[in-house]
C-alpha cells in the first residue's frame, strides 16, 4: 500500500490505515512553552515565584514590577504590557495557575503558564 511522502518505497499492513490519524488524537495545536519571560514566570522556588507574580497582579507601580520581573514590561508585536496587566488584574491572581513544570534543564520548577504573559495559549491546568 502506498504511504505517501516516504523517502523509500514502503508497504504497511492494511490495519495501519484503520488507526486514528494524529489530528483525530490531538485536535488542538499548542505552540508549546515560550521562554522569553522565563526570568519572571519560571522558578525552582514556588514561594519566590508566587511573590513575584502577586506583585505583578497587585497595584504596584511599573517601576516596582521592573525590579523583580523586567521582562513582563517589554513590549513586542504581540504583547502590550499595560493591556495584558490590566486584563489580568481584572481577573485576579490564580494560585492554581502556578503549576509544576519540567523542562530540559537540570531540576524542576514551577511556572505560571498564563497565555497573556507567554504570548501563547495557556497550558492545560491540573
PDB file of N, CA and C in Angstrom:
ATOM      1  N   UNK A   1       0.838  -1.192   0.000  1.00  0.00           N
ATOM      2  CA  UNK A   1       0.000   0.000   0.000  1.00  0.00           C
ATOM      3  C   UNK A   1       0.876   1.247   0.000  1.00  0.00           C
ATOM      4  N   UNK A   2       0.493   2.223  -0.775  1.00  0.00           N
ATOM      5  CA  UNK A   2       1.232   3.474  -0.864  1.00  0.00           C
ATOM      6  C   UNK A   2       1.062   4.289   0.413  1.00  0.00           C
ATOM      7  N   UNK A   3       2.181   4.717   1.028  1.00  0.00           N
ATOM      8  CA  UNK A   3       2.116   5.507   2.262  1.00  0.00           C
ATOM      9  C   UNK A   3       2.302   6.992   2.016  1.00  0.00           C
ATOM     10  N   UNK A   4       2.424   7.416   0.789  1.00  0.00           N
ATOM     11  CA  UNK A   4       2.522   8.849   0.535  1.00  0.00           C
ATOM     12  C   UNK A   4       3.950   9.325   0.414  1.00  0.00           C
ATOM     13  N   UNK A   5       4.325  10.335   1.183  1.00  0.00           N
ATOM     14  CA  UNK A   5       5.600  11.016   1.017  1.00  0.00           C
ATOM     15  C   UNK A   5       6.731  10.381   1.822  1.00  0.00           C
ATOM     16  N   UNK A   6       6.991   9.134   1.598  1.00  0.00           N
ATOM     17  CA  UNK A   6       8.113   8.475   2.270  1.00  0.00           C
ATOM     18  C   UNK A   6       9.366   8.628   1.428  1.00  0.00           C
ATOM     19  N   UNK A   7      10.526   8.476   2.056  1.00  0.00           N
ATOM     20  CA  UNK A   7      11.786   8.605   1.335  1.00  0.00           C
ATOM     21  C   UNK A   7      12.111   7.352   0.529  1.00  0.00           C
ATOM     22  N   UNK A   8      11.672   6.206   1.015  1.00  0.00           N
ATOM     23  CA  UNK A   8      11.904   4.940   0.328  1.00  0.00           C
ATOM     24  C   UNK A   8      10.562   4.249   0.136  1.00  0.00           C
ATOM     25  N   UNK A   9      10.447   3.440  -0.873  1.00  0.00           N
ATOM     26  CA  UNK A   9       9.195   2.697  -1.043  1.00  0.00           C
ATOM     27  C   UNK A   9       8.893   1.875   0.211  1.00  0.00           C
ATOM     28  N   UNK A  10       7.658   1.927   0.673  1.00  0.00           N
ATOM     29  CA  UNK A  10       7.260   1.240   1.894  1.00  0.00           C
ATOM     30  C   UNK A  10       5.922   0.547   1.676  1.00  0.00           C
ATOM     31  N   UNK A  11       5.713  -0.460   2.446  1.00  0.00           N
ATOM     32  CA  UNK A  11       4.398  -1.098   2.491  1.00  0.00           C
ATOM     33  C   UNK A  11       4.000  -1.221   3.952  1.00  0.00           C
ATOM     34  N   UNK A  12       2.717  -1.348   4.184  1.00  0.00           N
ATOM     35  CA  UNK A  12       2.222  -1.490   5.552  1.00  0.00           C
ATOM     36  C   UNK A  12       1.051  -2.445   5.557  1.00  0.00           C
ATOM     37  N   UNK A  13       0.831  -3.011   6.702  1.00  0.00           N
ATOM     38  CA  UNK A  13      -0.316  -3.864   6.906  1.00  0.00           C
ATOM     39  C   UNK A  13      -1.572  -3.025   6.701  1.00  0.00           C
ATOM     40  N   UNK A  14      -2.605  -3.576   6.144  1.00  0.00           N
ATOM     41  CA  UNK A  14      -3.853  -2.842   5.878  1.00  0.00           C
ATOM     42  C   UNK A  14      -4.447  -2.258   7.159  1.00  0.00           C
ATOM     43  N   UNK A  15      -4.192  -2.887   8.309  1.00  0.00           N
ATOM     44  CA  UNK A  15      -4.724  -2.375   9.574  1.00  0.00           C
ATOM     45  C   UNK A  15      -4.131  -1.013   9.939  1.00  0.00           C
ATOM     46  N   UNK A  16      -2.948  -0.721   9.416  1.00  0.00           N
ATOM     47  CA  UNK A  16      -2.303   0.559   9.694  1.00  0.00           C
ATOM     48  C   UNK A  16      -3.240   1.722   9.361  1.00  0.00           C
ATOM     49  N   UNK A  17      -3.961   1.608   8.277  1.00  0.00           N
ATOM     50  CA  UNK A  17      -4.833   2.686   7.825  1.00  0.00           C
ATOM     51  C   UNK A  17      -6.120   2.783   8.631  1.00  0.00           C
ATOM     52  N   UNK A  18      -6.365   1.840   9.516  1.00  0.00           N
ATOM     53  CA  UNK A  18      -7.541   1.934  10.399  1.00  0.00           C
ATOM     54  C   UNK A  18      -7.212   2.659  11.702  1.00  0.00           C
ATOM     55  N   UNK A  19      -5.942   2.910  11.950  1.00  0.00           N
ATOM     56  CA  UNK A  19      -5.536   3.627  13.164  1.00  0.00           C
ATOM     57  C   UNK A  19      -6.016   5.075  13.082  1.00  0.00           C
ATOM     58  N   UNK A  20      -6.281   5.687  14.219  1.00  0.00           N
ATOM     59  CA  UNK A  20      -6.665   7.113  14.176  1.00  0.00           C
ATOM     60  C   UNK A  20      -5.500   7.958  13.673  1.00  0.00           C
ATOM     61  N   UNK A  21      -5.831   9.003  12.950  1.00  0.00           N
ATOM     62  CA  UNK A  21      -4.803   9.939  12.480  1.00  0.00           C
ATOM     63  C   UNK A  21      -4.446  10.891  13.618  1.00  0.00           C
ATOM     64  N   UNK A  22      -3.241  11.444  13.591  1.00  0.00           N
ATOM     65  CA  UNK A  22      -2.809  12.358  14.649  1.00  0.00           C
ATOM     66  C   UNK A  22      -3.780  13.521  14.871  1.00  0.00           C
ATOM     67  N   UNK A  23      -4.313  14.156  13.832  1.00  0.00           N
ATOM     68  CA  UNK A  23      -5.267  15.240  14.080  1.00  0.00           C
ATOM     69  C   UNK A  23      -6.534  14.765  14.812  1.00  0.00           C
ATOM     70  N   UNK A  24      -6.883  13.498  14.670  1.00  0.00           N
ATOM     71  CA  UNK A  24      -8.027  12.955  15.406  1.00  0.00           C
ATOM     72  C   UNK A  24      -7.675  12.748  16.876  1.00  0.00           C
ATOM     73  N   UNK A  25      -6.429  12.353  17.147  1.00  0.00           N
ATOM     74  CA  UNK A  25      -5.992  12.130  18.521  1.00  0.00           C
ATOM     75  C   UNK A  25      -5.700  13.441  19.244  1.00  0.00           C
ATOM     76  N   UNK A  26      -5.187  14.420  18.515  1.00  0.00           N
ATOM     77  CA  UNK A  26      -4.809  15.709  19.098  1.00  0.00           C
ATOM     78  C   UNK A  26      -5.396  16.834  18.254  1.00  0.00           C
ATOM     79  N   UNK A  27      -6.694  17.128  18.419  1.00  0.00           N
ATOM     80  CA  UNK A  27      -7.343  18.111  17.551  1.00  0.00           C
ATOM     81  C   UNK A  27      -6.931  19.559  17.816  1.00  0.00           C
ATOM     82  N   UNK A  28      -6.297  19.836  18.949  1.00  0.00           N
ATOM     83  CA  UNK A  28      -5.902  21.200  19.273  1.00  0.00           C
ATOM     84  C   UNK A  28      -4.389  21.314  19.265  1.00  0.00           C
ATOM     85  N   UNK A  29      -3.895  22.312  18.569  1.00  0.00           N
ATOM     86  CA  UNK A  29      -2.460  22.545  18.495  1.00  0.00           C
ATOM     87  C   UNK A  29      -2.057  23.560  19.553  1.00  0.00           C
ATOM     88  N   UNK A  30      -1.059  23.218  20.349  1.00  0.00           N
ATOM     89  CA  UNK A  30      -0.471  24.147  21.307  1.00  0.00           C
ATOM     90  C   UNK A  30       0.963  24.388  20.882  1.00  0.00           C
ATOM     91  N   UNK A  31       1.338  25.646  20.829  1.00  0.00           N
ATOM     92  CA  UNK A  31       2.665  26.005  20.338  1.00  0.00           C
ATOM     93  C   UNK A  31       3.771  25.588  21.281  1.00  0.00           C
ATOM     94  N   UNK A  32       3.441  25.324  22.512  1.00  0.00           N
ATOM     95  CA  UNK A  32       4.464  24.960  23.474  1.00  0.00           C
ATOM     96  C   UNK A  32       4.841  26.142  24.339  1.00  0.00           C
ATOM     97  N   UNK A  33       5.893  25.981  25.060  1.00  0.00           N
ATOM     98  CA  UNK A  33       6.317  26.987  26.028  1.00  0.00           C
ATOM     99  C   UNK A  33       7.249  27.978  25.353  1.00  0.00           C
ATOM    100  N   UNK A  34       6.973  29.247  25.536  1.00  0.00           N
ATOM    101  CA  UNK A  34       7.879  30.290  25.058  1.00  0.00           C
ATOM    102  C   UNK A  34       8.732  30.721  26.247  1.00  0.00           C
ATOM    103  N   UNK A  35       9.991  30.902  26.013  1.00  0.00           N
ATOM    104  CA  UNK A  35      10.895  31.166  27.131  1.00  0.00           C
ATOM    105  C   UNK A  35      11.304  32.628  27.249  1.00  0.00           C
ATOM    106  N   UNK A  36      10.669  33.513  26.512  1.00  0.00           N
ATOM    107  CA  UNK A  36      11.054  34.922  26.520  1.00  0.00           C
ATOM    108  C   UNK A  36      10.913  35.577  27.889  1.00  0.00           C
ATOM    109  N   UNK A  37      10.040  35.051  28.731  1.00  0.00           N
ATOM    110  CA  UNK A  37       9.812  35.668  30.039  1.00  0.00           C
ATOM    111  C   UNK A  37      10.074  34.696  31.190  1.00  0.00           C
ATOM    112  N   UNK A  38      10.957  33.736  30.944  1.00  0.00           N
ATOM    113  CA  UNK A  38      11.277  32.750  31.973  1.00  0.00           C
ATOM    114  C   UNK A  38      11.790  33.393  33.256  1.00  0.00           C
ATOM    115  N   UNK A  39      12.518  34.495  33.133  1.00  0.00           N
ATOM    116  CA  UNK A  39      13.051  35.132  34.340  1.00  0.00           C
ATOM    117  C   UNK A  39      11.932  35.542  35.294  1.00  0.00           C
ATOM    118  N   UNK A  40      10.746  35.767  34.767  1.00  0.00           N
ATOM    119  CA  UNK A  40       9.616  36.183  35.595  1.00  0.00           C
ATOM    120  C   UNK A  40       8.642  35.049  35.878  1.00  0.00           C
ATOM    121  N   UNK A  41       8.508  34.108  34.955  1.00  0.00           N
ATOM    122  CA  UNK A  41       7.431  33.126  35.029  1.00  0.00           C
ATOM    123  C   UNK A  41       7.864  31.723  35.422  1.00  0.00           C
ATOM    124  N   UNK A  42       9.156  31.502  35.597  1.00  0.00           N
ATOM    125  CA  UNK A  42       9.659  30.181  35.971  1.00  0.00           C
ATOM    126  C   UNK A  42      10.620  30.345  37.140  1.00  0.00           C
ATOM    127  N   UNK A  43      10.517  29.444  38.106  1.00  0.00           N
ATOM    128  CA  UNK A  43      11.405  29.495  39.262  1.00  0.00           C
ATOM    129  C   UNK A  43      11.427  28.116  39.905  1.00  0.00           C
ATOM    130  N   UNK A  44      12.506  27.754  40.564  1.00  0.00           N
ATOM    131  CA  UNK A  44      12.535  26.485  41.287  1.00  0.00           C
ATOM    132  C   UNK A  44      11.935  26.641  42.674  1.00  0.00           C
ATOM    133  N   UNK A  45      11.687  27.866  43.084  1.00  0.00           N
ATOM    134  CA  UNK A  45      11.122  28.149  44.396  1.00  0.00           C
ATOM    135  C   UNK A  45       9.709  28.701  44.218  1.00  0.00           C
ATOM    136  N   UNK A  46       8.711  27.887  44.551  1.00  0.00           N
ATOM    137  CA  UNK A  46       7.322  28.287  44.341  1.00  0.00           C
ATOM    138  C   UNK A  46       6.967  29.567  45.085  1.00  0.00           C
ATOM    139  N   UNK A  47       7.431  29.707  46.333  1.00  0.00           N
ATOM    140  CA  UNK A  47       7.110  30.897  47.121  1.00  0.00           C
ATOM    141  C   UNK A  47       7.679  32.149  46.465  1.00  0.00           C
ATOM    142  N   UNK A  48       8.892  32.067  45.960  1.00  0.00           N
ATOM    143  CA  UNK A  48       9.514  33.214  45.297  1.00  0.00           C
ATOM    144  C   UNK A  48       8.749  33.580  44.025  1.00  0.00           C
ATOM    145  N   UNK A  49       8.347  32.566  43.254  1.00  0.00           N
ATOM    146  CA  UNK A  49       7.571  32.810  42.036  1.00  0.00           C
ATOM    147  C   UNK A  49       6.232  33.451  42.373  1.00  0.00           C
ATOM    148  N   UNK A  50       5.529  32.889  43.348  1.00  0.00           N
ATOM    149  CA  UNK A  50       4.228  33.461  43.725  1.00  0.00           C
ATOM    150  C   UNK A  50       4.364  34.895  44.199  1.00  0.00           C
ATOM    151  N   UNK A  51       5.399  35.187  44.961  1.00  0.00           N
ATOM    152  CA  UNK A  51       5.623  36.544  45.442  1.00  0.00           C
ATOM    153  C   UNK A  51       5.799  37.507  44.267  1.00  0.00           C
ATOM    154  N   UNK A  52       6.576  37.099  43.281  1.00  0.00           N
ATOM    155  CA  UNK A  52       6.819  37.927  42.104  1.00  0.00           C
ATOM    156  C   UNK A  52       5.525  38.155  41.318  1.00  0.00           C
ATOM    157  N   UNK A  53       4.755  37.093  41.141  1.00  0.00           N
ATOM    158  CA  UNK A  53       3.527  37.197  40.356  1.00  0.00           C
ATOM    159  C   UNK A  53       2.454  37.960  41.127  1.00  0.00           C
ATOM    160  N   UNK A  54       2.373  37.769  42.426  1.00  0.00           N
ATOM    161  CA  UNK A  54       1.412  38.546  43.225  1.00  0.00           C
ATOM    162  C   UNK A  54       1.728  40.042  43.153  1.00  0.00           C
ATOM    163  N   UNK A  55       3.004  40.397  43.138  1.00  0.00           N
ATOM    164  CA  UNK A  55       3.380  41.802  42.986  1.00  0.00           C
ATOM    165  C   UNK A  55       2.886  42.324  41.640  1.00  0.00           C
ATOM    166  N   UNK A  56       3.075  41.539  40.582  1.00  0.00           N
ATOM    167  CA  UNK A  56       2.616  41.917  39.242  1.00  0.00           C
ATOM    168  C   UNK A  56       1.108  42.149  39.234  1.00  0.00           C
ATOM    169  N   UNK A  57       0.361  41.290  39.911  1.00  0.00           N
ATOM    170  CA  UNK A  57      -1.102  41.399  39.941  1.00  0.00           C
ATOM    171  C   UNK A  57      -1.589  42.500  40.881  1.00  0.00           C
ATOM    172  N   UNK A  58      -0.736  42.955  41.762  1.00  0.00           N
ATOM    173  CA  UNK A  58      -1.134  43.972  42.731  1.00  0.00           C
ATOM    174  C   UNK A  58      -1.171  45.352  42.064  1.00  0.00           C
ATOM    175  N   UNK A  59      -1.398  46.354  42.868  1.00  0.00           N
ATOM    176  CA  UNK A  59      -1.390  47.728  42.377  1.00  0.00           C
ATOM    177  C   UNK A  59       0.002  48.328  42.354  1.00  0.00           C
ATOM    178  N   UNK A  60       1.038  47.516  42.436  1.00  0.00           N
ATOM    179  CA  UNK A  60       2.421  48.007  42.425  1.00  0.00           C
ATOM    180  C   UNK A  60       2.697  48.782  41.142  1.00  0.00           C
ATOM    181  N   UNK A  61       3.576  49.751  41.235  1.00  0.00           N
ATOM    182  CA  UNK A  61       3.938  50.551  40.067  1.00  0.00           C
ATOM    183  C   UNK A  61       4.747  49.708  39.078  1.00  0.00           C
ATOM    184  N   UNK A  62       4.831  50.214  37.845  1.00  0.00           N
ATOM    185  CA  UNK A  62       5.653  49.529  36.840  1.00  0.00           C
ATOM    186  C   UNK A  62       7.111  49.478  37.284  1.00  0.00           C
ATOM    187  N   UNK A  63       7.567  50.531  37.966  1.00  0.00           N
ATOM    188  CA  UNK A  63       8.952  50.556  38.446  1.00  0.00           C
ATOM    189  C   UNK A  63       9.194  49.437  39.451  1.00  0.00           C
ATOM    190  N   UNK A  64       8.222  49.188  40.330  1.00  0.00           N
ATOM    191  CA  UNK A  64       8.363  48.102  41.307  1.00  0.00           C
ATOM    192  C   UNK A  64       8.371  46.750  40.607  1.00  0.00           C
ATOM    193  N   UNK A  65       7.478  46.573  39.635  1.00  0.00           N
ATOM    194  CA  UNK A  65       7.439  45.319  38.876  1.00  0.00           C
ATOM    195  C   UNK A  65       8.749  45.138  38.106  1.00  0.00           C
ATOM    196  N   UNK A  66       9.258  46.214  37.531  1.00  0.00           N
ATOM    197  CA  UNK A  66      10.501  46.136  36.752  1.00  0.00           C
ATOM    198  C   UNK A  66      11.680  45.670  37.589  1.00  0.00           C
ATOM    199  N   UNK A  67      11.651  45.933  38.877  1.00  0.00           N
ATOM    200  CA  UNK A  67      12.750  45.499  39.742  1.00  0.00           C
ATOM    201  C   UNK A  67      12.799  43.985  39.889  1.00  0.00           C
ATOM    202  N   UNK A  68      11.641  43.315  39.858  1.00  0.00           N
ATOM    203  CA  UNK A  68      11.618  41.869  40.074  1.00  0.00           C
ATOM    204  C   UNK A  68      11.278  41.061  38.824  1.00  0.00           C
ATOM    205  N   UNK A  69      10.648  41.696  37.836  1.00  0.00           N
ATOM    206  CA  UNK A  69      10.218  40.967  36.635  1.00  0.00           C
ATOM    207  C   UNK A  69      10.258  41.884  35.414  1.00  0.00           C
ATOM    208  N   UNK A  70      11.439  42.355  35.027  1.00  0.00           N
ATOM    209  CA  UNK A  70      11.518  43.324  33.924  1.00  0.00           C
ATOM    210  C   UNK A  70      10.971  42.808  32.598  1.00  0.00           C
ATOM    211  N   UNK A  71      11.086  41.530  32.334  1.00  0.00           N
ATOM    212  CA  UNK A  71      10.625  41.005  31.037  1.00  0.00           C
ATOM    213  C   UNK A  71       9.116  41.115  30.866  1.00  0.00           C
ATOM    214  N   UNK A  72       8.370  41.227  31.958  1.00  0.00           N
ATOM    215  CA  UNK A  72       6.915  41.359  31.849  1.00  0.00           C
ATOM    216  C   UNK A  72       6.503  42.739  31.362  1.00  0.00           C
ATOM    217  N   UNK A  73       7.454  43.653  31.273  1.00  0.00           N
ATOM    218  CA  UNK A  73       7.148  45.022  30.849  1.00  0.00           C
ATOM    219  C   UNK A  73       7.735  45.364  29.484  1.00  0.00           C
ATOM    220  N   UNK A  74       8.251  44.364  28.783  1.00  0.00           N
ATOM    221  CA  UNK A  74       8.864  44.591  27.469  1.00  0.00           C
ATOM    222  C   UNK A  74       7.824  44.335  26.381  1.00  0.00           C
ATOM    223  N   UNK A  75       7.523  45.364  25.622  1.00  0.00           N
ATOM    224  CA  UNK A  75       6.517  45.270  24.560  1.00  0.00           C
ATOM    225  C   UNK A  75       7.127  44.647  23.308  1.00  0.00           C
ATOM    226  N   UNK A  76       6.311  43.866  22.603  1.00  0.00           N
ATOM    227  CA  UNK A  76       6.702  43.380  21.283  1.00  0.00           C
ATOM    228  C   UNK A  76       5.470  43.399  20.390  1.00  0.00           C
ATOM    229  N   UNK A  77       5.561  42.823  19.219  1.00  0.00           N
ATOM    230  CA  UNK A  77       4.460  42.932  18.253  1.00  0.00           C
ATOM    231  C   UNK A  77       3.172  42.243  18.705  1.00  0.00           C
ATOM    232  N   UNK A  78       3.256  41.275  19.610  1.00  0.00           N
ATOM    233  CA  UNK A  78       2.046  40.564  20.052  1.00  0.00           C
ATOM    234  C   UNK A  78       1.743  40.756  21.530  1.00  0.00           C
ATOM    235  N   UNK A  79       2.546  41.538  22.223  1.00  0.00           N
ATOM    236  CA  UNK A  79       2.387  41.667  23.673  1.00  0.00           C
ATOM    237  C   UNK A  79       2.493  43.129  24.076  1.00  0.00           C
ATOM    238  N   UNK A  80       1.401  43.662  24.626  1.00  0.00           N
ATOM    239  CA  UNK A  80       1.358  45.031  25.121  1.00  0.00           C
ATOM    240  C   UNK A  80       1.272  44.956  26.644  1.00  0.00           C
ATOM    241  N   UNK A  81       2.365  45.212  27.346  1.00  0.00           N
ATOM    242  CA  UNK A  81       2.401  45.000  28.802  1.00  0.00           C
ATOM    243  C   UNK A  81       1.280  45.668  29.597  1.00  0.00           C
ATOM    244  N   UNK A  82       0.976  46.961  29.399  1.00  0.00           N
ATOM    245  CA  UNK A  82      -0.101  47.555  30.198  1.00  0.00           C
ATOM    246  C   UNK A  82      -1.467  46.923  29.931  1.00  0.00           C
ATOM    247  N   UNK A  83      -1.747  46.607  28.683  1.00  0.00           N
ATOM    248  CA  UNK A  83      -3.035  45.986  28.335  1.00  0.00           C
ATOM    249  C   UNK A  83      -3.136  44.602  28.981  1.00  0.00           C
ATOM    250  N   UNK A  84      -2.079  43.812  28.854  1.00  0.00           N
ATOM    251  CA  UNK A  84      -2.076  42.465  29.443  1.00  0.00           C
ATOM    252  C   UNK A  84      -2.226  42.544  30.961  1.00  0.00           C
ATOM    253  N   UNK A  85      -1.512  43.459  31.581  1.00  0.00           N
ATOM    254  CA  UNK A  85      -1.551  43.558  33.054  1.00  0.00           C
ATOM    255  C   UNK A  85      -2.933  43.971  33.543  1.00  0.00           C
ATOM    256  N   UNK A  86      -3.542  44.947  32.879  1.00  0.00           N
ATOM    257  CA  UNK A  86      -4.890  45.377  33.289  1.00  0.00           C
ATOM    258  C   UNK A  86      -5.891  44.224  33.181  1.00  0.00           C
ATOM    259  N   UNK A  87      -5.834  43.489  32.090  1.00  0.00           N
ATOM    260  CA  UNK A  87      -6.761  42.370  31.902  1.00  0.00           C
ATOM    261  C   UNK A  87      -6.549  41.306  32.973  1.00  0.00           C
ATOM    262  N   UNK A  88      -5.295  41.014  33.277  1.00  0.00           N
ATOM    263  CA  UNK A  88      -5.008  40.002  34.292  1.00  0.00           C
ATOM    264  C   UNK A  88      -5.374  40.492  35.689  1.00  0.00           C
ATOM    265  N   UNK A  89      -5.165  41.759  35.974  1.00  0.00           N
ATOM    266  CA  UNK A  89      -5.546  42.299  37.276  1.00  0.00           C
ATOM    267  C   UNK A  89      -7.055  42.232  37.463  1.00  0.00           C
ATOM    268  N   UNK A  90      -7.817  42.473  36.398  1.00  0.00           N
ATOM    269  CA  UNK A  90      -9.282  42.369  36.493  1.00  0.00           C
ATOM    270  C   UNK A  90      -9.705  40.942  36.829  1.00  0.00           C
ATOM    271  N   UNK A  91      -9.033  39.969  36.239  1.00  0.00           N
ATOM    272  CA  UNK A  91      -9.351  38.573  36.523  1.00  0.00           C
ATOM    273  C   UNK A  91      -8.874  38.162  37.904  1.00  0.00           C
ATOM    274  N   UNK A  92      -7.716  38.672  38.300  1.00  0.00           N
ATOM    275  CA  UNK A  92      -7.157  38.342  39.601  1.00  0.00           C
ATOM    276  C   UNK A  92      -6.165  37.199  39.554  1.00  0.00           C
ATOM    277  N   UNK A  93      -5.306  37.169  40.558  1.00  0.00           N
ATOM    278  CA  UNK A  93      -4.284  36.122  40.677  1.00  0.00           C
ATOM    279  C   UNK A  93      -4.946  34.777  40.890  1.00  0.00           C
ATOM    280  N   UNK A  94      -4.454  33.754  40.212  1.00  0.00           N
ATOM    281  CA  UNK A  94      -4.980  32.394  40.332  1.00  0.00           C
ATOM    282  C   UNK A  94      -3.866  31.476  40.817  1.00  0.00           C
ATOM    283  N   UNK A  95      -3.809  31.170  42.125  1.00  0.00           N
ATOM    284  CA  UNK A  95      -2.739  30.295  42.606  1.00  0.00           C
ATOM    285  C   UNK A  95      -2.735  28.930  41.931  1.00  0.00           C
ATOM    286  N   UNK A  96      -3.897  28.480  41.435  1.00  0.00           N
ATOM    287  CA  UNK A  96      -3.946  27.185  40.753  1.00  0.00           C
ATOM    288  C   UNK A  96      -3.263  27.239  39.385  1.00  0.00           C
ATOM    289  N   UNK A  97      -2.919  28.446  38.910  1.00  0.00           N
ATOM    290  CA  UNK A  97      -2.189  28.582  37.656  1.00  0.00           C
ATOM    291  C   UNK A  97      -0.681  28.474  37.871  1.00  0.00           C
ATOM    292  N   UNK A  98      -0.241  28.395  39.089  1.00  0.00           N
ATOM    293  CA  UNK A  98       1.175  28.177  39.388  1.00  0.00           C
ATOM    294  C   UNK A  98       1.348  26.662  39.483  1.00  0.00           C
ATOM    295  N   UNK A  99       1.950  26.087  38.468  1.00  0.00           N
ATOM    296  CA  UNK A  99       1.986  24.630  38.342  1.00  0.00           C
ATOM    297  C   UNK A  99       3.415  24.115  38.207  1.00  0.00           C
ATOM    298  N   UNK A 100       3.674  22.895  38.683  1.00  0.00           N
ATOM    299  CA  UNK A 100       4.993  22.285  38.461  1.00  0.00           C
ATOM    300  C   UNK A 100       5.246  22.121  36.974  1.00  0.00           C
ATOM    301  N   UNK A 101       6.473  22.260  36.598  1.00  0.00           N
ATOM    302  CA  UNK A 101       6.837  22.231  35.189  1.00  0.00           C
ATOM    303  C   UNK A 101       8.228  21.623  35.055  1.00  0.00           C
ATOM    304  N   UNK A 102       8.364  20.655  34.180  1.00  0.00           N
ATOM    305  CA  UNK A 102       9.658  20.030  33.937  1.00  0.00           C
ATOM    306  C   UNK A 102      10.135  20.458  32.557  1.00  0.00           C
ATOM    307  N   UNK A 103      11.353  20.926  32.490  1.00  0.00           N
ATOM    308  CA  UNK A 103      11.920  21.392  31.223  1.00  0.00           C
ATOM    309  C   UNK A 103      13.212  20.646  30.952  1.00  0.00           C
ATOM    310  N   UNK A 104      13.857  20.989  29.875  1.00  0.00           N
ATOM    311  CA  UNK A 104      15.117  20.365  29.506  1.00  0.00           C
ATOM    312  C   UNK A 104      16.291  21.012  30.232  1.00  0.00           C
ATOM    313  N   UNK A 105      16.107  21.256  31.489  1.00  0.00           N
ATOM    314  CA  UNK A 105      17.169  21.817  32.318  1.00  0.00           C
ATOM    315  C   UNK A 105      17.257  20.977  33.578  1.00  0.00           C
ATOM    316  N   UNK A 106      18.415  20.945  34.220  1.00  0.00           N
ATOM    317  CA  UNK A 106      18.524  20.161  35.450  1.00  0.00           C
ATOM    318  C   UNK A 106      17.519  20.622  36.498  1.00  0.00           C
ATOM    319  N   UNK A 107      16.948  19.694  37.211  1.00  0.00           N
ATOM    320  CA  UNK A 107      15.988  20.024  38.255  1.00  0.00           C
ATOM    321  C   UNK A 107      14.622  20.270  37.662  1.00  0.00           C
ATOM    322  N   UNK A 108      13.728  20.699  38.505  1.00  0.00           N
ATOM    323  CA  UNK A 108      12.392  21.030  38.036  1.00  0.00           C
ATOM    324  C   UNK A 108      11.996  22.343  38.680  1.00  0.00           C
ATOM    325  N   UNK A 109      10.914  22.890  38.217  1.00  0.00           N
ATOM    326  CA  UNK A 109      10.479  24.169  38.752  1.00  0.00           C
ATOM    327  C   UNK A 109       8.986  24.313  38.678  1.00  0.00           C
ATOM    328  N   UNK A 110       8.538  25.498  38.955  1.00  0.00           N
ATOM    329  CA  UNK A 110       7.132  25.827  38.813  1.00  0.00           C
ATOM    330  C   UNK A 110       7.048  27.032  37.894  1.00  0.00           C
ATOM    331  N   UNK A 111       5.941  27.145  37.200  1.00  0.00           N
ATOM    332  CA  UNK A 111       5.787  28.248  36.268  1.00  0.00           C
ATOM    333  C   UNK A 111       4.353  28.724  36.257  1.00  0.00           C
ATOM    334  N   UNK A 112       4.172  29.906  35.709  1.00  0.00           N
ATOM    335  CA  UNK A 112       2.845  30.478  35.521  1.00  0.00           C
ATOM    336  C   UNK A 112       2.556  30.412  34.027  1.00  0.00           C
ATOM    337  N   UNK A 113       1.778  29.413  33.569  1.00  0.00           N
ATOM    338  CA  UNK A 113       1.523  29.269  32.142  1.00  0.00           C
ATOM    339  C   UNK A 113       0.379  30.170  31.692  1.00  0.00           C
ATOM    340  N   UNK A 114       0.526  31.451  31.868  1.00  0.00           N
ATOM    341  CA  UNK A 114      -0.518  32.414  31.571  1.00  0.00           C
ATOM    342  C   UNK A 114      -0.367  32.903  30.140  1.00  0.00           C
ATOM    343  N   UNK A 115      -1.365  32.654  29.322  1.00  0.00           N
ATOM    344  CA  UNK A 115      -1.303  32.987  27.902  1.00  0.00           C
ATOM    345  C   UNK A 115      -0.971  34.439  27.610  1.00  0.00           C
ATOM    346  N   UNK A 116      -1.536  35.378  28.356  1.00  0.00           N
ATOM    347  CA  UNK A 116      -1.270  36.795  28.088  1.00  0.00           C
ATOM    348  C   UNK A 116       0.189  37.148  28.359  1.00  0.00           C
ATOM    349  N   UNK A 117       0.843  36.420  29.234  1.00  0.00           N
ATOM    350  CA  UNK A 117       2.232  36.722  29.565  1.00  0.00           C
ATOM    351  C   UNK A 117       3.211  35.941  28.712  1.00  0.00           C
ATOM    352  N   UNK A 118       2.816  34.786  28.238  1.00  0.00           N
ATOM    353  CA  UNK A 118       3.734  33.937  27.488  1.00  0.00           C
ATOM    354  C   UNK A 118       3.575  34.055  25.982  1.00  0.00           C
ATOM    355  N   UNK A 119       2.629  34.870  25.519  1.00  0.00           N
ATOM    356  CA  UNK A 119       2.312  35.003  24.097  1.00  0.00           C
ATOM    357  C   UNK A 119       1.755  33.710  23.514  1.00  0.00           C
ATOM    358  N   UNK A 120       1.287  32.832  24.326  1.00  0.00           N
ATOM    359  CA  UNK A 120       0.732  31.571  23.865  1.00  0.00           C
ATOM    360  C   UNK A 120      -0.564  31.286  24.616  1.00  0.00           C
ATOM    361  N   UNK A 121      -1.306  30.340  24.080  1.00  0.00           N
ATOM    362  CA  UNK A 121      -2.486  29.892  24.797  1.00  0.00           C
ATOM    363  C   UNK A 121      -2.039  29.261  26.105  1.00  0.00           C
ATOM    364  N   UNK A 122      -2.813  29.422  27.165  1.00  0.00           N
ATOM    365  CA  UNK A 122      -2.426  28.786  28.429  1.00  0.00           C
ATOM    366  C   UNK A 122      -2.364  27.269  28.281  1.00  0.00           C
ATOM    367  N   UNK A 123      -1.467  26.661  29.025  1.00  0.00           N
ATOM    368  CA  UNK A 123      -1.400  25.206  29.068  1.00  0.00           C
ATOM    369  C   UNK A 123      -2.604  24.685  29.832  1.00  0.00           C
ATOM    370  N   UNK A 124      -2.876  23.419  29.675  1.00  0.00           N
ATOM    371  CA  UNK A 124      -3.945  22.813  30.430  1.00  0.00           C
ATOM    372  C   UNK A 124      -3.541  22.765  31.896  1.00  0.00           C
ATOM    373  N   UNK A 125      -4.436  23.067  32.779  1.00  0.00           N
ATOM    374  CA  UNK A 125      -4.133  23.088  34.211  1.00  0.00           C
ATOM    375  C   UNK A 125      -4.673  21.841  34.863  1.00  0.00           C
ATOM    376  N   UNK A 126      -3.996  21.399  35.947  1.00  0.00           N
ATOM    377  CA  UNK A 126      -4.453  20.181  36.625  1.00  0.00           C
ATOM    378  C   UNK A 126      -5.828  20.378  37.238  1.00  0.00           C
TER     379      UNK A 126
END
